[in-house]
Amino acid sequence: MQHQLRWTALILAASGAAACRTATADGLFTTNIDSAARTLHQVDPSTGAAAAVRPDAPLTAGSWNGLSVLPGDGRFLYAVHNPRPPTFNSTQTSRLVKLRVADGQPTLLPLFDAAAAGLDELFSTSVAISPLNPTVAMVSAFDRFGPKVLFQAELASGAIIAGSAVELPNDRRLSALTYSPDGATLYGTDSEGLLVTVDPATGVTTTVGDPGLSDFLTGLDFRPTDGALFAIEGFSLDRLLILDPVDGSVSSIVGPLGIRGPEGLAFVVPEPTGLWLVASAVISLVARRRRQSAAANQRPA
């Protein structure tokens, strides 16, 4: 037993050191769209500075909007990709895409069926995934000549879930979406620059507050470690902010991202390292054998 405990301690020490070298508690990501080389960027939440994950591996042409992460999975981010229309003034549609965190490589899912959302064409602006329903993504979109909508899409296939589309009121599209850490409340920023909460079943928005900014908010996410609400003020200033989720006011201006056209914001919690998983297995084994030994010693002779 002592031999097993010594091995467990050694594995834990090694895995802790490895985790310090390879993982960060605040893996914050965004994409850039106002650039010839669109790429996934990691953002320093203490300064706002953004650096391309793989500068030599740009994303497919078109616009990339929104970012969200599947709770408990640190391998992939989800975004919406809007390809360029094949011809000027032609209709277009968009799709879900998985972005590999390690190198930013995209996996494009099939194009949305615009008719399933009640639209002639479909341009997506943001995406969010709730920990209470991790098999679907909530997507906001609009038709250039029609309404703004909110709908659900299956993460596995990208298909719009039948009957899930609802029209947003007041003709205001949502520029960013994210769920509260408990998954119970859907937050968004609308085309007036307001922080709002959104009823996923009806599309009705309730104003939380006005940050009083000069530009749109193009990214929004809560930091898992402390519940701080981070946002991106995009278009011209391109800077990282912290908002008060109670009244929408700006709590802090973190700093400029240093990239053009940041879109979407998501915190990724790093996955446990393989060594840590081995250590956890050894701990479980030792604990089980100790319980078995204790039970054996309590049996009557």
C-alpha atoms as a PDB file:
ATOM      1  CA  MET A   1       0.000   0.000   0.000  1.00  0.00           C
ATOM      2  CA  GLN A   2       2.776   2.467   0.873  1.00  0.00           C
ATOM      3  CA  HIS A   3       4.438   1.624  -2.436  1.00  0.00           C
ATOM      4  CA  GLN A   4       1.242   2.542  -4.312  1.00  0.00           C
ATOM      5  CA  LEU A   5       0.874   5.802  -2.404  1.00  0.00           C
ATOM      6  CA  ARG A   6       4.468   6.786  -3.225  1.00  0.00           C
ATOM      7  CA  TRP A   7       3.817   6.175  -6.939  1.00  0.00           C
ATOM      8  CA  THR A   8       0.622   8.221  -6.731  1.00  0.00           C
ATOM      9  CA  ALA A   9       2.481  11.146  -5.173  1.00  0.00           C
ATOM     10  CA  LEU A  10       5.141  11.032  -7.868  1.00  0.00           C
ATOM     11  CA  ILE A  11       2.557  10.956 -10.664  1.00  0.00           C
ATOM     12  CA  LEU A  12       0.606  13.835  -9.133  1.00  0.00           C
ATOM     13  CA  ALA A  13       3.760  15.937  -8.813  1.00  0.00           C
ATOM     14  CA  ALA A  14       4.720  15.277 -12.404  1.00  0.00           C
ATOM     15  CA  SER A  15       1.217  15.934 -13.719  1.00  0.00           C
ATOM     16  CA  GLY A  16       0.971  19.167 -11.771  1.00  0.00           C
ATOM     17  CA  ALA A  17       4.231  20.375 -13.292  1.00  0.00           C
ATOM     18  CA  ALA A  18       3.080  19.389 -16.766  1.00  0.00           C
ATOM     19  CA  ALA A  19      -0.228  21.192 -16.293  1.00  0.00           C
ATOM     20  CA  CYS A  20       1.599  24.372 -15.309  1.00  0.00           C
ATOM     21  CA  ARG A  21       3.659  24.189 -18.483  1.00  0.00           C
ATOM     22  CA  THR A  22       0.898  23.375 -20.965  1.00  0.00           C
ATOM     23  CA  ALA A  23      -2.452  24.689 -19.699  1.00  0.00           C
ATOM     24  CA  THR A  24      -3.848  28.060 -18.751  1.00  0.00           C
ATOM     25  CA  ALA A  25      -6.863  28.724 -16.565  1.00  0.00           C
ATOM     26  CA  ASP A  26      -8.173  31.400 -18.942  1.00  0.00           C
ATOM     27  CA  GLY A  27      -8.012  30.160 -22.536  1.00  0.00           C
ATOM     28  CA  LEU A  28      -9.807  33.066 -24.246  1.00  0.00           C
ATOM     29  CA  PHE A  29     -10.298  33.043 -28.026  1.00  0.00           C
ATOM     30  CA  THR A  30     -11.651  35.209 -30.839  1.00  0.00           C
ATOM     31  CA  THR A  31     -11.504  35.315 -34.646  1.00  0.00           C
ATOM     32  CA  ASN A  32     -10.757  38.198 -37.003  1.00  0.00           C
ATOM     33  CA  ILE A  33     -12.826  38.945 -40.093  1.00  0.00           C
ATOM     34  CA  ASP A  34     -11.503  42.278 -41.369  1.00  0.00           C
ATOM     35  CA  SER A  35      -8.294  40.806 -42.715  1.00  0.00           C
ATOM     36  CA  ALA A  36      -7.088  38.848 -45.725  1.00  0.00           C
ATOM     37  CA  ALA A  37      -5.799  36.091 -43.412  1.00  0.00           C
ATOM     38  CA  ARG A  38      -8.718  35.259 -41.124  1.00  0.00           C
ATOM     39  CA  THR A  39      -7.443  33.194 -38.208  1.00  0.00           C
ATOM     40  CA  LEU A  40      -8.298  31.963 -34.733  1.00  0.00           C
ATOM     41  CA  HIS A  41      -6.637  34.107 -32.057  1.00  0.00           C
ATOM     42  CA  GLN A  42      -5.918  33.529 -28.390  1.00  0.00           C
ATOM     43  CA  VAL A  43      -6.500  36.574 -26.207  1.00  0.00           C
ATOM     44  CA  ASP A  44      -4.692  37.540 -23.013  1.00  0.00           C
ATOM     45  CA  PRO A  45      -7.569  38.343 -20.601  1.00  0.00           C
ATOM     46  CA  SER A  46      -5.291  40.552 -18.506  1.00  0.00           C
ATOM     47  CA  THR A  47      -4.152  42.849 -21.350  1.00  0.00           C
ATOM     48  CA  GLY A  48      -6.489  42.184 -24.290  1.00  0.00           C
ATOM     49  CA  ALA A  49      -3.585  41.396 -26.645  1.00  0.00           C
ATOM     50  CA  ALA A  50      -4.499  38.776 -29.275  1.00  0.00           C
ATOM     51  CA  ALA A  51      -2.117  36.422 -31.079  1.00  0.00           C
ATOM     52  CA  ALA A  52      -2.923  34.068 -33.959  1.00  0.00           C
ATOM     53  CA  VAL A  53      -2.963  30.407 -32.973  1.00  0.00           C
ATOM     54  CA  ARG A  54      -1.555  29.479 -36.401  1.00  0.00           C
ATOM     55  CA  PRO A  55      -0.654  32.540 -38.525  1.00  0.00           C
ATOM     56  CA  ASP A  56       0.249  30.230 -41.414  1.00  0.00           C
ATOM     57  CA  ALA A  57      -3.163  28.500 -41.404  1.00  0.00           C
ATOM     58  CA  PRO A  58      -5.839  31.072 -42.311  1.00  0.00           C
ATOM     59  CA  LEU A  59      -9.509  30.185 -42.218  1.00  0.00           C
ATOM     60  CA  THR A  60     -11.672  29.806 -45.315  1.00  0.00           C
ATOM     61  CA  ALA A  61     -12.715  33.077 -46.989  1.00  0.00           C
ATOM     62  CA  GLY A  62     -15.976  34.637 -45.868  1.00  0.00           C
ATOM     63  CA  SER A  63     -17.006  35.990 -42.500  1.00  0.00           C
ATOM     64  CA  TRP A  64     -16.683  34.192 -39.169  1.00  0.00           C
ATOM     65  CA  ASN A  65     -19.112  35.233 -36.461  1.00  0.00           C
ATOM     66  CA  GLY A  66     -19.613  34.256 -32.871  1.00  0.00           C
ATOM     67  CA  LEU A  67     -17.717  31.718 -30.805  1.00  0.00           C
ATOM     68  CA  SER A  68     -18.927  29.232 -28.248  1.00  0.00           C
ATOM     69  CA  VAL A  69     -17.506  26.173 -26.556  1.00  0.00           C
ATOM     70  CA  LEU A  70     -19.078  22.858 -25.658  1.00  0.00           C
ATOM     71  CA  PRO A  71     -19.002  22.771 -21.837  1.00  0.00           C
ATOM     72  CA  GLY A  72     -16.411  20.332 -20.567  1.00  0.00           C
ATOM     73  CA  ASP A  73     -14.725  19.932 -23.958  1.00  0.00           C
ATOM     74  CA  GLY A  74     -11.565  21.970 -24.397  1.00  0.00           C
ATOM     75  CA  ARG A  75     -10.753  20.613 -27.864  1.00  0.00           C
ATOM     76  CA  PHE A  76     -13.139  22.580 -30.082  1.00  0.00           C
ATOM     77  CA  LEU A  77     -14.802  25.930 -30.473  1.00  0.00           C
ATOM     78  CA  TYR A  78     -17.988  26.443 -32.474  1.00  0.00           C
ATOM     79  CA  ALA A  79     -18.609  29.397 -34.758  1.00  0.00           C
ATOM     80  CA  VAL A  80     -20.877  30.341 -37.655  1.00  0.00           C
ATOM     81  CA  HIS A  81     -19.342  30.752 -41.092  1.00  0.00           C
ATOM     82  CA  ASN A  82     -20.909  32.911 -43.787  1.00  0.00           C
ATOM     83  CA  PRO A  83     -19.421  32.062 -47.199  1.00  0.00           C
ATOM     84  CA  ARG A  84     -19.214  34.740 -49.826  1.00  0.00           C
ATOM     85  CA  PRO A  85     -22.186  34.675 -52.217  1.00  0.00           C
ATOM     86  CA  PRO A  86     -21.258  33.127 -55.566  1.00  0.00           C
ATOM     87  CA  THR A  87     -22.363  36.242 -57.441  1.00  0.00           C
ATOM     88  CA  PHE A  88     -23.045  39.856 -56.530  1.00  0.00           C
ATOM     89  CA  ASN A  89     -26.425  40.384 -54.865  1.00  0.00           C
ATOM     90  CA  SER A  90     -27.184  36.640 -54.892  1.00  0.00           C
ATOM     91  CA  THR A  91     -28.695  34.870 -51.913  1.00  0.00           C
ATOM     92  CA  GLN A  92     -26.488  33.181 -49.367  1.00  0.00           C
ATOM     93  CA  THR A  93     -26.687  30.908 -46.371  1.00  0.00           C
ATOM     94  CA  SER A  94     -24.332  30.003 -43.527  1.00  0.00           C
ATOM     95  CA  ARG A  95     -23.333  27.018 -41.423  1.00  0.00           C
ATOM     96  CA  LEU A  96     -21.889  25.846 -38.141  1.00  0.00           C
ATOM     97  CA  VAL A  97     -18.163  25.169 -38.001  1.00  0.00           C
ATOM     98  CA  LYS A  98     -15.923  23.418 -35.483  1.00  0.00           C
ATOM     99  CA  LEU A  99     -12.555  25.093 -34.867  1.00  0.00           C
ATOM    100  CA  ARG A 100      -9.833  22.943 -33.349  1.00  0.00           C
ATOM    101  CA  VAL A 101      -8.357  24.864 -30.413  1.00  0.00           C
ATOM    102  CA  ALA A 102      -4.869  23.423 -30.868  1.00  0.00           C
ATOM    103  CA  ASP A 103      -4.307  24.835 -34.347  1.00  0.00           C
ATOM    104  CA  GLY A 104      -7.466  26.681 -35.423  1.00  0.00           C
ATOM    105  CA  GLN A 105      -8.289  24.208 -38.199  1.00  0.00           C
ATOM    106  CA  PRO A 106     -11.955  24.368 -39.232  1.00  0.00           C
ATOM    107  CA  THR A 107     -14.392  21.555 -39.921  1.00  0.00           C
ATOM    108  CA  LEU A 108     -17.315  22.968 -41.909  1.00  0.00           C
ATOM    109  CA  LEU A 109     -20.713  21.396 -41.323  1.00  0.00           C
ATOM    110  CA  PRO A 110     -23.414  21.391 -44.044  1.00  0.00           C
ATOM    111  CA  LEU A 111     -25.027  24.693 -44.979  1.00  0.00           C
ATOM    112  CA  PHE A 112     -28.156  25.644 -43.053  1.00  0.00           C
ATOM    113  CA  ASP A 113     -31.488  25.155 -44.803  1.00  0.00           C
ATOM    114  CA  ALA A 114     -32.717  28.759 -44.742  1.00  0.00           C
ATOM    115  CA  ALA A 115     -36.309  27.639 -45.324  1.00  0.00           C
ATOM    116  CA  ALA A 116     -36.198  25.684 -42.050  1.00  0.00           C
ATOM    117  CA  ALA A 117     -35.689  29.023 -40.296  1.00  0.00           C
ATOM    118  CA  GLY A 118     -38.451  30.658 -42.318  1.00  0.00           C
ATOM    119  CA  LEU A 119     -36.036  32.769 -44.387  1.00  0.00           C
ATOM    120  CA  ASP A 120     -35.160  33.107 -48.053  1.00  0.00           C
ATOM    121  CA  GLU A 121     -31.483  33.554 -47.206  1.00  0.00           C
ATOM    122  CA  LEU A 122     -29.653  33.260 -43.935  1.00  0.00           C
ATOM    123  CA  PHE A 123     -26.702  35.264 -42.592  1.00  0.00           C
ATOM    124  CA  SER A 124     -25.681  34.141 -39.086  1.00  0.00           C
ATOM    125  CA  THR A 125     -24.296  36.601 -36.543  1.00  0.00           C
ATOM    126  CA  SER A 126     -23.689  34.695 -33.308  1.00  0.00           C
ATOM    127  CA  VAL A 127     -23.836  31.313 -31.573  1.00  0.00           C
ATOM    128  CA  ALA A 128     -24.114  30.053 -27.985  1.00  0.00           C
ATOM    129  CA  ILE A 129     -24.182  26.619 -26.322  1.00  0.00           C
ATOM    130  CA  SER A 130     -25.865  26.036 -22.960  1.00  0.00           C
ATOM    131  CA  PRO A 131     -24.411  23.514 -20.472  1.00  0.00           C
ATOM    132  CA  LEU A 132     -28.039  22.519 -19.828  1.00  0.00           C
ATOM    133  CA  ASN A 133     -28.499  21.454 -23.466  1.00  0.00           C
ATOM    134  CA  PRO A 134     -25.037  20.648 -24.856  1.00  0.00           C
ATOM    135  CA  THR A 135     -26.208  18.887 -28.021  1.00  0.00           C
ATOM    136  CA  VAL A 136     -27.537  22.030 -29.726  1.00  0.00           C
ATOM    137  CA  ALA A 137     -26.356  25.522 -30.573  1.00  0.00           C
ATOM    138  CA  MET A 138     -28.493  28.634 -30.325  1.00  0.00           C
ATOM    139  CA  VAL A 139     -27.904  30.721 -33.464  1.00  0.00           C
ATOM    140  CA  SER A 140     -29.036  34.245 -34.340  1.00  0.00           C
ATOM    141  CA  ALA A 141     -29.408  35.155 -38.006  1.00  0.00           C
ATOM    142  CA  PHE A 142     -31.134  37.518 -40.396  1.00  0.00           C
ATOM    143  CA  ASP A 143     -32.346  37.847 -43.961  1.00  0.00           C
ATOM    144  CA  ARG A 144     -31.254  41.015 -45.767  1.00  0.00           C
ATOM    145  CA  PHE A 145     -34.825  41.549 -46.917  1.00  0.00           C
ATOM    146  CA  GLY A 146     -36.681  39.843 -44.078  1.00  0.00           C
ATOM    147  CA  PRO A 147     -36.801  39.275 -40.329  1.00  0.00           C
ATOM    148  CA  LYS A 148     -34.162  38.624 -37.683  1.00  0.00           C
ATOM    149  CA  VAL A 149     -34.490  35.173 -36.112  1.00  0.00           C
ATOM    150  CA  LEU A 150     -33.189  32.897 -33.388  1.00  0.00           C
ATOM    151  CA  PHE A 151     -33.050  29.127 -33.956  1.00  0.00           C
ATOM    152  CA  GLN A 152     -31.455  25.931 -32.666  1.00  0.00           C
ATOM    153  CA  ALA A 153     -29.098  23.731 -34.672  1.00  0.00           C
ATOM    154  CA  GLU A 154     -27.793  20.253 -33.885  1.00  0.00           C
ATOM    155  CA  LEU A 155     -24.083  20.325 -33.052  1.00  0.00           C
ATOM    156  CA  ALA A 156     -23.451  16.932 -34.613  1.00  0.00           C
ATOM    157  CA  SER A 157     -25.041  17.610 -38.008  1.00  0.00           C
ATOM    158  CA  GLY A 158     -25.562  21.369 -38.193  1.00  0.00           C
ATOM    159  CA  ALA A 159     -29.222  20.824 -39.086  1.00  0.00           C
ATOM    160  CA  ILE A 160     -31.776  23.395 -37.931  1.00  0.00           C
ATOM    161  CA  ILE A 161     -34.177  21.810 -35.432  1.00  0.00           C
ATOM    162  CA  ALA A 162     -37.697  21.898 -36.865  1.00  0.00           C
ATOM    163  CA  GLY A 163     -39.982  24.442 -35.212  1.00  0.00           C
ATOM    164  CA  SER A 164     -37.202  26.078 -33.191  1.00  0.00           C
ATOM    165  CA  ALA A 165     -36.995  29.359 -35.151  1.00  0.00           C
ATOM    166  CA  VAL A 166     -38.545  32.456 -33.561  1.00  0.00           C
ATOM    167  CA  GLU A 167     -38.575  36.002 -34.893  1.00  0.00           C
ATOM    168  CA  LEU A 168     -36.728  38.657 -32.892  1.00  0.00           C
ATOM    169  CA  PRO A 169     -38.813  41.709 -31.977  1.00  0.00           C
ATOM    170  CA  ASN A 170     -38.144  45.355 -32.840  1.00  0.00           C
ATOM    171  CA  ASP A 171     -36.206  44.414 -36.002  1.00  0.00           C
ATOM    172  CA  ARG A 172     -32.962  44.276 -34.007  1.00  0.00           C
ATOM    173  CA  ARG A 173     -30.418  41.599 -34.779  1.00  0.00           C
ATOM    174  CA  LEU A 174     -28.187  40.109 -32.075  1.00  0.00           C
ATOM    175  CA  SER A 175     -24.472  40.805 -32.515  1.00  0.00           C
ATOM    176  CA  ALA A 176     -23.268  38.423 -29.800  1.00  0.00           C
ATOM    177  CA  LEU A 177     -24.696  35.639 -27.632  1.00  0.00           C
ATOM    178  CA  THR A 178     -23.576  33.740 -24.549  1.00  0.00           C
ATOM    179  CA  TYR A 179     -25.154  31.792 -21.716  1.00  0.00           C
ATOM    180  CA  SER A 180     -24.705  32.565 -18.029  1.00  0.00           C
ATOM    181  CA  PRO A 181     -22.334  30.138 -16.289  1.00  0.00           C
ATOM    182  CA  ASP A 182     -25.265  28.089 -14.974  1.00  0.00           C
ATOM    183  CA  GLY A 183     -26.816  27.913 -18.442  1.00  0.00           C
ATOM    184  CA  ALA A 184     -30.133  29.348 -17.277  1.00  0.00           C
ATOM    185  CA  THR A 185     -29.962  32.793 -18.926  1.00  0.00           C
ATOM    186  CA  LEU A 186     -29.141  33.692 -22.521  1.00  0.00           C
ATOM    187  CA  TYR A 187     -27.393  37.063 -22.825  1.00  0.00           C
ATOM    188  CA  GLY A 188     -26.891  39.031 -25.998  1.00  0.00           C
ATOM    189  CA  THR A 189     -25.973  42.391 -27.455  1.00  0.00           C
ATOM    190  CA  ASP A 190     -28.326  43.940 -29.972  1.00  0.00           C
ATOM    191  CA  SER A 191     -27.891  46.283 -32.926  1.00  0.00           C
ATOM    192  CA  GLU A 192     -28.466  49.279 -30.642  1.00  0.00           C
ATOM    193  CA  GLY A 193     -25.421  48.324 -28.567  1.00  0.00           C
ATOM    194  CA  LEU A 194     -27.495  47.277 -25.533  1.00  0.00           C
ATOM    195  CA  LEU A 195     -26.789  44.315 -23.260  1.00  0.00           C
ATOM    196  CA  VAL A 196     -29.952  42.199 -23.183  1.00  0.00           C
ATOM    197  CA  THR A 197     -31.276  38.875 -22.011  1.00  0.00           C
ATOM    198  CA  VAL A 198     -33.112  36.742 -24.568  1.00  0.00           C
ATOM    199  CA  ASP A 199     -35.987  34.304 -24.151  1.00  0.00           C
ATOM    200  CA  PRO A 200     -34.965  31.374 -26.411  1.00  0.00           C
ATOM    201  CA  ALA A 201     -38.565  30.216 -26.741  1.00  0.00           C
ATOM    202  CA  THR A 202     -40.028  33.525 -27.936  1.00  0.00           C
ATOM    203  CA  GLY A 203     -37.090  35.691 -29.018  1.00  0.00           C
ATOM    204  CA  VAL A 204     -38.260  38.469 -26.690  1.00  0.00           C
ATOM    205  CA  THR A 205     -35.354  40.562 -25.392  1.00  0.00           C
ATOM    206  CA  THR A 206     -35.167  42.363 -22.063  1.00  0.00           C
ATOM    207  CA  THR A 207     -32.721  45.250 -21.723  1.00  0.00           C
ATOM    208  CA  VAL A 208     -30.112  44.794 -18.993  1.00  0.00           C
ATOM    209  CA  GLY A 209     -28.409  48.121 -19.639  1.00  0.00           C
ATOM    210  CA  ASP A 210     -26.568  50.390 -22.036  1.00  0.00           C
ATOM    211  CA  PRO A 211     -22.760  50.185 -21.850  1.00  0.00           C
ATOM    212  CA  GLY A 212     -22.650  53.619 -23.488  1.00  0.00           C
ATOM    213  CA  LEU A 213     -20.098  52.615 -26.131  1.00  0.00           C
ATOM    214  CA  SER A 214     -19.541  54.130 -29.543  1.00  0.00           C
ATOM    215  CA  ASP A 215     -19.312  50.783 -31.380  1.00  0.00           C
ATOM    216  CA  PHE A 216     -21.090  47.434 -31.461  1.00  0.00           C
ATOM    217  CA  LEU A 217     -20.226  44.609 -29.097  1.00  0.00           C
ATOM    218  CA  THR A 218     -19.104  41.726 -31.310  1.00  0.00           C
ATOM    219  CA  GLY A 219     -18.125  39.187 -28.640  1.00  0.00           C
ATOM    220  CA  LEU A 220     -19.479  38.187 -25.231  1.00  0.00           C
ATOM    221  CA  ASP A 221     -18.626  35.445 -22.725  1.00  0.00           C
ATOM    222  CA  PHE A 222     -18.431  34.762 -18.989  1.00  0.00           C
ATOM    223  CA  ARG A 223     -15.091  33.695 -17.508  1.00  0.00           C
ATOM    224  CA  PRO A 224     -15.664  30.307 -15.828  1.00  0.00           C
ATOM    225  CA  THR A 225     -13.294  30.945 -12.931  1.00  0.00           C
ATOM    226  CA  ASP A 226     -15.038  34.016 -11.499  1.00  0.00           C
ATOM    227  CA  GLY A 227     -18.130  34.780 -13.614  1.00  0.00           C
ATOM    228  CA  ALA A 228     -16.726  38.048 -15.019  1.00  0.00           C
ATOM    229  CA  LEU A 229     -18.518  39.071 -18.233  1.00  0.00           C
ATOM    230  CA  PHE A 230     -16.008  39.879 -20.993  1.00  0.00           C
ATOM    231  CA  ALA A 231     -16.961  41.649 -24.217  1.00  0.00           C
ATOM    232  CA  ILE A 232     -15.363  42.945 -27.401  1.00  0.00           C
ATOM    233  CA  GLU A 233     -16.067  46.436 -28.658  1.00  0.00           C
ATOM    234  CA  GLY A 234     -15.453  45.895 -32.335  1.00  0.00           C
ATOM    235  CA  PHE A 235     -15.315  47.623 -35.714  1.00  0.00           C
ATOM    236  CA  SER A 236     -13.030  50.606 -35.011  1.00  0.00           C
ATOM    237  CA  LEU A 237     -11.750  50.327 -31.420  1.00  0.00           C
ATOM    238  CA  ASP A 238     -11.356  46.521 -31.269  1.00  0.00           C
ATOM    239  CA  ARG A 239     -10.767  46.327 -27.526  1.00  0.00           C
ATOM    240  CA  LEU A 240     -11.522  43.914 -24.698  1.00  0.00           C
ATOM    241  CA  LEU A 241     -13.883  45.047 -21.940  1.00  0.00           C
ATOM    242  CA  ILE A 242     -15.474  43.689 -18.762  1.00  0.00           C
ATOM    243  CA  LEU A 243     -19.182  44.444 -18.302  1.00  0.00           C
ATOM    244  CA  ASP A 244     -21.393  44.383 -15.215  1.00  0.00           C
ATOM    245  CA  PRO A 245     -24.023  41.694 -15.982  1.00  0.00           C
ATOM    246  CA  VAL A 246     -26.464  43.397 -13.597  1.00  0.00           C
ATOM    247  CA  ASP A 247     -26.720  46.796 -15.309  1.00  0.00           C
ATOM    248  CA  GLY A 248     -24.631  46.473 -18.472  1.00  0.00           C
ATOM    249  CA  SER A 249     -22.144  49.175 -17.494  1.00  0.00           C
ATOM    250  CA  VAL A 250     -18.443  48.924 -18.344  1.00  0.00           C
ATOM    251  CA  SER A 251     -16.552  47.703 -15.277  1.00  0.00           C
ATOM    252  CA  SER A 252     -13.138  47.779 -16.905  1.00  0.00           C
ATOM    253  CA  ILE A 253     -11.432  48.506 -20.224  1.00  0.00           C
ATOM    254  CA  VAL A 254      -8.844  45.728 -20.426  1.00  0.00           C
ATOM    255  CA  GLY A 255      -7.033  46.853 -23.566  1.00  0.00           C
ATOM    256  CA  PRO A 256      -6.810  46.687 -27.379  1.00  0.00           C
ATOM    257  CA  LEU A 257      -6.718  43.327 -29.120  1.00  0.00           C
ATOM    258  CA  GLY A 258      -4.428  44.585 -31.859  1.00  0.00           C
ATOM    259  CA  ILE A 259      -6.280  42.779 -34.656  1.00  0.00           C
ATOM    260  CA  ARG A 260      -8.793  43.966 -37.228  1.00  0.00           C
ATOM    261  CA  GLY A 261     -12.434  42.951 -36.975  1.00  0.00           C
ATOM    262  CA  PRO A 262     -12.518  40.653 -33.924  1.00  0.00           C
ATOM    263  CA  GLU A 263     -15.695  38.567 -33.902  1.00  0.00           C
ATOM    264  CA  GLY A 264     -16.857  36.241 -31.158  1.00  0.00           C
ATOM    265  CA  LEU A 265     -15.392  35.517 -27.741  1.00  0.00           C
ATOM    266  CA  ALA A 266     -15.160  32.252 -25.801  1.00  0.00           C
ATOM    267  CA  PHE A 267     -13.327  30.902 -22.781  1.00  0.00           C
ATOM    268  CA  VAL A 268     -11.976  27.372 -23.091  1.00  0.00           C
ATOM    269  CA  VAL A 269     -11.220  25.393 -19.957  1.00  0.00           C
ATOM    270  CA  PRO A 270      -8.192  23.199 -20.722  1.00  0.00           C
ATOM    271  CA  GLU A 271      -8.739  19.475 -20.636  1.00  0.00           C
ATOM    272  CA  PRO A 272      -6.894  17.411 -18.001  1.00  0.00           C
ATOM    273  CA  THR A 273      -3.557  16.135 -19.246  1.00  0.00           C
ATOM    274  CA  GLY A 274      -3.112  12.432 -19.904  1.00  0.00           C
ATOM    275  CA  LEU A 275      -0.761  12.184 -16.945  1.00  0.00           C
ATOM    276  CA  TRP A 276      -3.348  13.726 -14.654  1.00  0.00           C
ATOM    277  CA  LEU A 277      -5.929  11.193 -15.856  1.00  0.00           C
ATOM    278  CA  VAL A 278      -3.485   8.375 -15.028  1.00  0.00           C
ATOM    279  CA  ALA A 279      -2.933   9.866 -11.580  1.00  0.00           C
ATOM    280  CA  SER A 280      -6.678  10.080 -11.007  1.00  0.00           C
ATOM    281  CA  ALA A 281      -7.043   6.409 -11.968  1.00  0.00           C
ATOM    282  CA  VAL A 282      -4.269   5.410  -9.543  1.00  0.00           C
ATOM    283  CA  ILE A 283      -5.891   7.425  -6.742  1.00  0.00           C
ATOM    284  CA  SER A 284      -9.222   5.681  -7.373  1.00  0.00           C
ATOM    285  CA  LEU A 285      -7.526   2.267  -7.361  1.00  0.00           C
ATOM    286  CA  VAL A 286      -5.683   2.947  -4.108  1.00  0.00           C
ATOM    287  CA  ALA A 287      -8.842   4.238  -2.438  1.00  0.00           C
ATOM    288  CA  ARG A 288     -10.830   1.164  -3.557  1.00  0.00           C
ATOM    289  CA  ARG A 289      -8.189  -1.233  -2.253  1.00  0.00           C
ATOM    290  CA  ARG A 290      -8.044   0.603   1.060  1.00  0.00           C
ATOM    291  CA  ARG A 291     -11.817   0.259   1.403  1.00  0.00           C
ATOM    292  CA  GLN A 292     -11.612  -3.439   0.553  1.00  0.00           C
ATOM    293  CA  SER A 293      -8.803  -3.935   3.101  1.00  0.00           C
ATOM    294  CA  ALA A 294     -10.725  -2.085   5.798  1.00  0.00           C
ATOM    295  CA  ALA A 295     -13.844  -4.154   5.092  1.00  0.00           C
ATOM    296  CA  ALA A 296     -11.833  -7.385   5.273  1.00  0.00           C
ATOM    297  CA  ASN A 297     -10.337  -6.405   8.644  1.00  0.00           C
ATOM    298  CA  GLN A 298     -13.808  -5.761  10.077  1.00  0.00           C
ATOM    299  CA  ARG A 299     -15.147  -9.218   9.201  1.00  0.00           C
ATOM    300  CA  PRO A 300     -15.548 -11.540  12.201  1.00  0.00           C
ATOM    301  CA  ALA A 301     -12.939 -14.262  12.507  1.00  0.00           C
END
